[in-house]
Protein backbone atom coordinates (compact mmCIF):
# COMPACT_ATOMS: atom_id res chain seq x y z
CA UNK A 1 72.64 79.98 90.13
CA UNK A 2 71.75 83.32 88.57
CA UNK A 3 68.09 83.83 87.87
CA UNK A 4 67.00 85.10 84.46
CA UNK A 5 66.36 88.43 86.13
CA UNK A 6 69.97 88.54 87.37
CA UNK A 7 71.29 87.75 83.89
CA UNK A 8 69.08 90.49 82.46
CA UNK A 9 70.52 93.07 84.87
CA UNK A 10 74.06 91.90 84.04
CA UNK A 11 73.44 92.34 80.31
CA UNK A 12 71.85 95.76 80.81
CA UNK A 13 74.76 96.90 83.00
CA UNK A 14 77.27 95.95 80.31
CA UNK A 15 75.15 97.55 77.59
CA UNK A 16 75.11 100.86 79.47
CA UNK A 17 78.91 100.98 79.40
CA UNK A 18 80.20 103.07 76.45
CA UNK A 19 81.45 101.03 73.53
CA UNK A 20 79.38 97.89 74.07
CA UNK A 21 77.08 96.32 71.47
CA UNK A 22 73.39 97.26 71.23
CA UNK A 23 71.28 95.63 73.95
CA UNK A 24 69.66 92.90 71.78
CA UNK A 25 73.07 91.85 70.44
CA UNK A 26 74.61 91.91 73.94
CA UNK A 27 71.87 89.66 75.35
CA UNK A 28 72.06 87.24 72.41
CA UNK A 29 75.83 86.96 72.62
CA UNK A 30 75.73 86.51 76.39
CA UNK A 31 73.19 83.70 76.02
CA UNK A 32 75.39 82.00 73.43
CA UNK A 33 78.35 82.15 75.80
CA UNK A 34 76.26 80.55 78.56
CA UNK A 35 74.98 77.84 76.20
CA UNK A 36 78.51 76.89 75.13
CA UNK A 37 79.67 76.37 78.73
CA UNK A 38 80.51 72.75 79.67
CA UNK A 39 80.98 72.26 83.41
CA UNK A 40 82.85 68.95 83.05
CA UNK A 41 85.23 70.42 80.50
CA UNK A 42 85.93 73.48 82.65
CA UNK A 43 86.70 71.45 85.77
CA UNK A 44 88.97 69.15 83.75
CA UNK A 45 90.82 72.24 82.47
CA UNK A 46 91.33 73.55 86.03
CA UNK A 47 92.74 70.18 87.09
CA UNK A 48 95.06 70.19 84.08
CA UNK A 49 96.26 73.69 84.91
CA UNK A 50 96.88 72.64 88.53
CA UNK A 51 99.02 69.72 87.32
CA UNK A 52 101.02 72.21 85.25
CA UNK A 53 101.56 74.45 88.28
CA UNK A 54 98.96 77.05 87.27
CA UNK A 55 97.23 77.67 90.57
CA UNK A 56 93.84 79.38 90.34
CA UNK A 57 91.34 80.93 92.73
CA UNK A 58 87.86 79.57 92.05
CA UNK A 59 84.87 81.44 93.49
CA UNK A 60 81.86 79.14 93.80
CA UNK A 61 78.32 79.61 95.06
CA UNK A 62 77.05 77.81 98.13
CA UNK A 63 74.37 76.19 95.99
CA UNK A 64 77.04 74.74 93.68
CA UNK A 65 79.02 73.56 96.72
CA UNK A 66 75.97 71.67 97.98
CA UNK A 67 75.16 70.14 94.60
CA UNK A 68 78.71 69.35 93.51
CA UNK A 69 80.60 69.19 96.79
CA UNK A 70 82.85 66.32 95.73
CA UNK A 71 83.87 68.23 92.64
CA UNK A 72 84.72 71.30 94.75
CA UNK A 73 86.74 69.24 97.24
CA UNK A 74 88.64 67.68 94.34
CA UNK A 75 89.53 71.15 93.01
CA UNK A 76 90.78 72.19 96.45
CA UNK A 77 92.91 69.04 96.73
CA UNK A 78 94.34 69.71 93.28
CA UNK A 79 95.68 73.06 94.53
CA UNK A 80 92.93 75.56 93.71
CA UNK A 81 91.89 78.13 96.29
CA UNK A 82 88.11 78.11 96.74
CA UNK A 83 86.42 81.41 97.51
CA UNK A 84 82.88 82.48 98.40
CA UNK A 85 80.58 83.70 95.62
CA UNK A 86 77.31 84.05 97.56
CA UNK A 87 74.83 81.24 98.04
CA UNK A 88 72.43 81.96 95.14
CA UNK A 89 74.56 84.31 93.00
CA UNK A 90 72.56 87.40 93.95
CA UNK A 91 74.05 90.84 93.30
CA UNK A 92 74.77 92.48 96.70
CA UNK A 93 74.04 95.89 95.18
CA UNK A 94 70.48 94.86 94.36
CA UNK A 95 69.38 93.27 97.65
CA UNK A 96 68.91 94.56 101.21
CA UNK A 97 71.97 94.33 103.50
CA UNK A 98 70.30 91.84 105.86
CA UNK A 99 69.46 89.60 102.90
CA UNK A 100 73.06 89.81 101.67
CA UNK A 101 74.36 88.78 105.09
CA UNK A 102 71.94 85.85 105.30
CA UNK A 103 72.85 84.69 101.79
CA UNK A 104 76.56 84.89 102.55
CA UNK A 105 76.12 83.05 105.87
CA UNK A 106 74.39 80.22 103.99
CA UNK A 107 77.34 80.09 101.60
CA UNK A 108 79.84 79.90 104.48
CA UNK A 109 77.87 77.05 106.07
CA UNK A 110 77.83 75.13 102.77
CA UNK A 111 81.63 75.43 102.59
CA UNK A 112 82.11 74.36 106.20
CA UNK A 113 79.98 71.27 105.70
CA UNK A 114 82.56 70.19 103.15
CA UNK A 115 85.44 71.05 105.44
CA UNK A 116 86.55 74.06 103.39
CA UNK A 117 87.47 77.36 105.02
CA UNK A 118 87.33 80.19 102.52
CA UNK A 119 89.26 83.39 103.19
CA UNK A 120 88.11 85.28 100.09
CA UNK A 121 84.87 86.57 98.58
CA UNK A 122 83.79 87.82 95.16
CA UNK A 123 80.49 89.57 94.57
CA UNK A 124 78.34 88.22 91.72
CA UNK A 125 78.39 90.58 88.72
CA UNK A 126 81.11 92.59 90.56
CA UNK A 127 78.34 94.54 92.24
CA UNK A 128 79.54 95.38 95.75
CA UNK A 129 78.63 98.51 97.75
CA UNK A 130 81.35 99.84 100.04
CA UNK A 131 78.88 99.76 102.96
CA UNK A 132 79.04 95.94 102.99
CA UNK A 133 82.76 95.51 103.75
CA UNK A 134 82.04 95.50 107.52
CA UNK A 135 79.80 92.46 106.98
CA UNK A 136 82.73 90.59 105.42
CA UNK A 137 84.97 91.51 108.35
CA UNK A 138 82.40 90.37 110.91
CA UNK A 139 82.23 87.01 109.18
CA UNK A 140 85.99 86.54 109.29
CA UNK A 141 86.59 86.96 105.56
CA UNK A 142 90.12 88.08 104.82
CA UNK A 143 89.69 89.75 101.45
CA UNK A 144 87.24 90.72 98.74
CA UNK A 145 88.01 90.68 95.02
CA UNK A 146 84.83 92.30 93.77
CA UNK A 147 85.81 95.50 92.00
CA UNK A 148 87.70 96.46 88.88
CA UNK A 149 90.86 98.39 89.69
CA UNK A 150 89.67 101.56 87.95
CA UNK A 151 86.60 101.53 90.25
CA UNK A 152 88.51 100.64 93.43
CA UNK A 153 88.19 103.10 96.32
CA UNK A 154 91.35 101.97 98.15
CA UNK A 155 89.45 99.70 100.54
CA UNK A 156 92.23 97.82 102.42
CA UNK A 157 90.63 94.39 102.07
CA UNK A 158 89.86 94.76 98.36
CA UNK A 159 92.04 92.84 95.88
CA UNK A 160 90.95 94.66 92.75
CA UNK A 161 90.55 93.00 89.36
CA UNK A 162 92.75 94.14 86.50
CA UNK A 163 90.76 92.44 83.74
CA UNK A 164 87.34 90.78 83.36
CA UNK A 165 86.74 88.81 80.18
CA UNK A 166 83.03 88.76 79.34
CA UNK A 167 82.54 92.40 78.22
CA UNK A 168 85.37 92.03 75.70
CA UNK A 169 84.02 88.73 74.36
CA UNK A 170 80.65 90.33 73.60
CA UNK A 171 82.45 92.11 70.75
CA UNK A 172 83.31 88.72 69.17
CA UNK A 173 87.04 89.56 68.94
CA UNK A 174 89.59 87.62 66.91
CA UNK A 175 92.25 85.59 68.74
CA UNK A 176 94.84 88.27 67.98
CA UNK A 177 92.57 90.94 69.45
CA UNK A 178 92.14 88.85 72.60
CA UNK A 179 95.90 88.41 72.92
CA UNK A 180 96.49 92.15 72.46
CA UNK A 181 93.88 93.01 75.10
CA UNK A 182 95.19 90.49 77.60
CA UNK A 183 98.93 91.02 77.21
CA UNK A 184 99.05 94.26 79.21
CA UNK A 185 97.44 92.53 82.18
CA UNK A 186 100.01 89.75 82.44
CA UNK A 187 102.21 91.39 85.06
CA UNK A 188 103.31 90.81 88.65
CA UNK A 189 100.44 91.16 91.13
CA UNK A 190 97.65 91.50 88.56
CA UNK A 191 94.35 89.62 89.00
CA UNK A 192 92.37 88.30 86.04
CA UNK A 193 88.69 87.43 86.38
CA UNK A 194 87.65 84.67 83.96
CA UNK A 195 84.33 82.91 83.52
CA UNK A 196 83.52 79.33 82.52
CA UNK A 197 81.62 80.72 79.52
CA UNK A 198 84.37 83.21 78.72
CA UNK A 199 88.12 82.81 78.27
CA UNK A 200 88.20 79.73 80.46
CA UNK A 201 86.09 78.00 77.82
CA UNK A 202 87.24 77.30 74.29
CA UNK A 203 89.85 80.06 74.33
CA UNK A 204 91.66 79.00 77.50
CA UNK A 205 94.73 78.08 75.45
CA UNK A 206 95.26 81.82 74.89
CA UNK A 207 95.53 82.45 78.63
CA UNK A 208 97.99 79.59 79.08
CA UNK A 209 100.04 80.79 76.09
CA UNK A 210 100.42 84.30 77.49
CA UNK A 211 101.27 82.97 80.94
CA UNK A 212 104.05 80.78 79.52
CA UNK A 213 105.34 83.64 77.33
CA UNK A 214 105.40 86.05 80.29
CA UNK A 215 107.48 83.72 82.46
CA UNK A 216 105.22 84.53 85.43
CA UNK A 217 103.98 82.10 88.06
CA UNK A 218 100.26 81.79 88.64
CA UNK A 219 99.50 82.05 92.36
CA UNK A 220 96.20 82.11 94.23
CA UNK A 221 94.95 85.39 95.66
CA UNK A 222 95.52 84.07 99.19
CA UNK A 223 99.12 83.23 98.26
CA UNK A 224 99.54 86.75 96.84
CA UNK A 225 98.40 88.20 100.17
CA UNK A 226 100.96 86.02 101.93
CA UNK A 227 103.75 87.41 99.77
CA UNK A 228 103.65 84.98 96.85
CA UNK A 229 105.19 86.36 93.66
CA UNK A 230 103.29 86.08 90.42
CA UNK A 231 99.93 86.96 88.93
CA UNK A 232 96.49 85.61 89.82
CA UNK A 233 93.97 83.87 87.59
CA UNK A 234 90.55 83.74 89.21
CA UNK A 235 87.44 81.95 88.00
CA UNK A 236 83.77 82.63 88.83
CA UNK A 237 81.39 79.68 89.08
CA UNK A 238 77.93 81.26 89.11
CA UNK A 239 76.20 77.96 88.38
């Protein structure tokens, strides 16, 4: 789970981006999003989506896997792809490389103890230095989905993210504004990054509505790499 220090750095990083609310407002709104998050409700929603054929990629921490292993296994059996999200949700860009590798190795072991082989990785807070891709390759990880497409540097194993929800939600947008912002990202091959305290929460019906309206299939990122046609909805569990 993120420490308070990690959450502080995440809020500051978003605040430094042009167009975001003043820092006190950003922190307050981020805390409110966290407080409204209901783990049971989110997992039930993912199961419901799976029953409807909406296949998602869920990145979970090793710590969450150890605490809620049965819940993770149930998501995998329902049809979700489970990906690595670090063991303690530490930002790779803020820790030494050897510490990153040790943290990731702990995450891999937690997955293996539950019989789950993960082929994908997402960096907490989308903070991932290019120098760490060799570490992923050494550990047998097939892909990373840790950068926004506009920041991608054409790294072959990077499956870049078209849209990430939390920065937009800090502006307290109306439902119509959310729909307008999302609509352009509902296209073949695009990857959305949602959070339990973001659009996957109380506004998840908007995501489902746009997916139905678009006529697209929702495939996992691993399925996309294997030639599956559709768009990808990914979820970050930083619990």
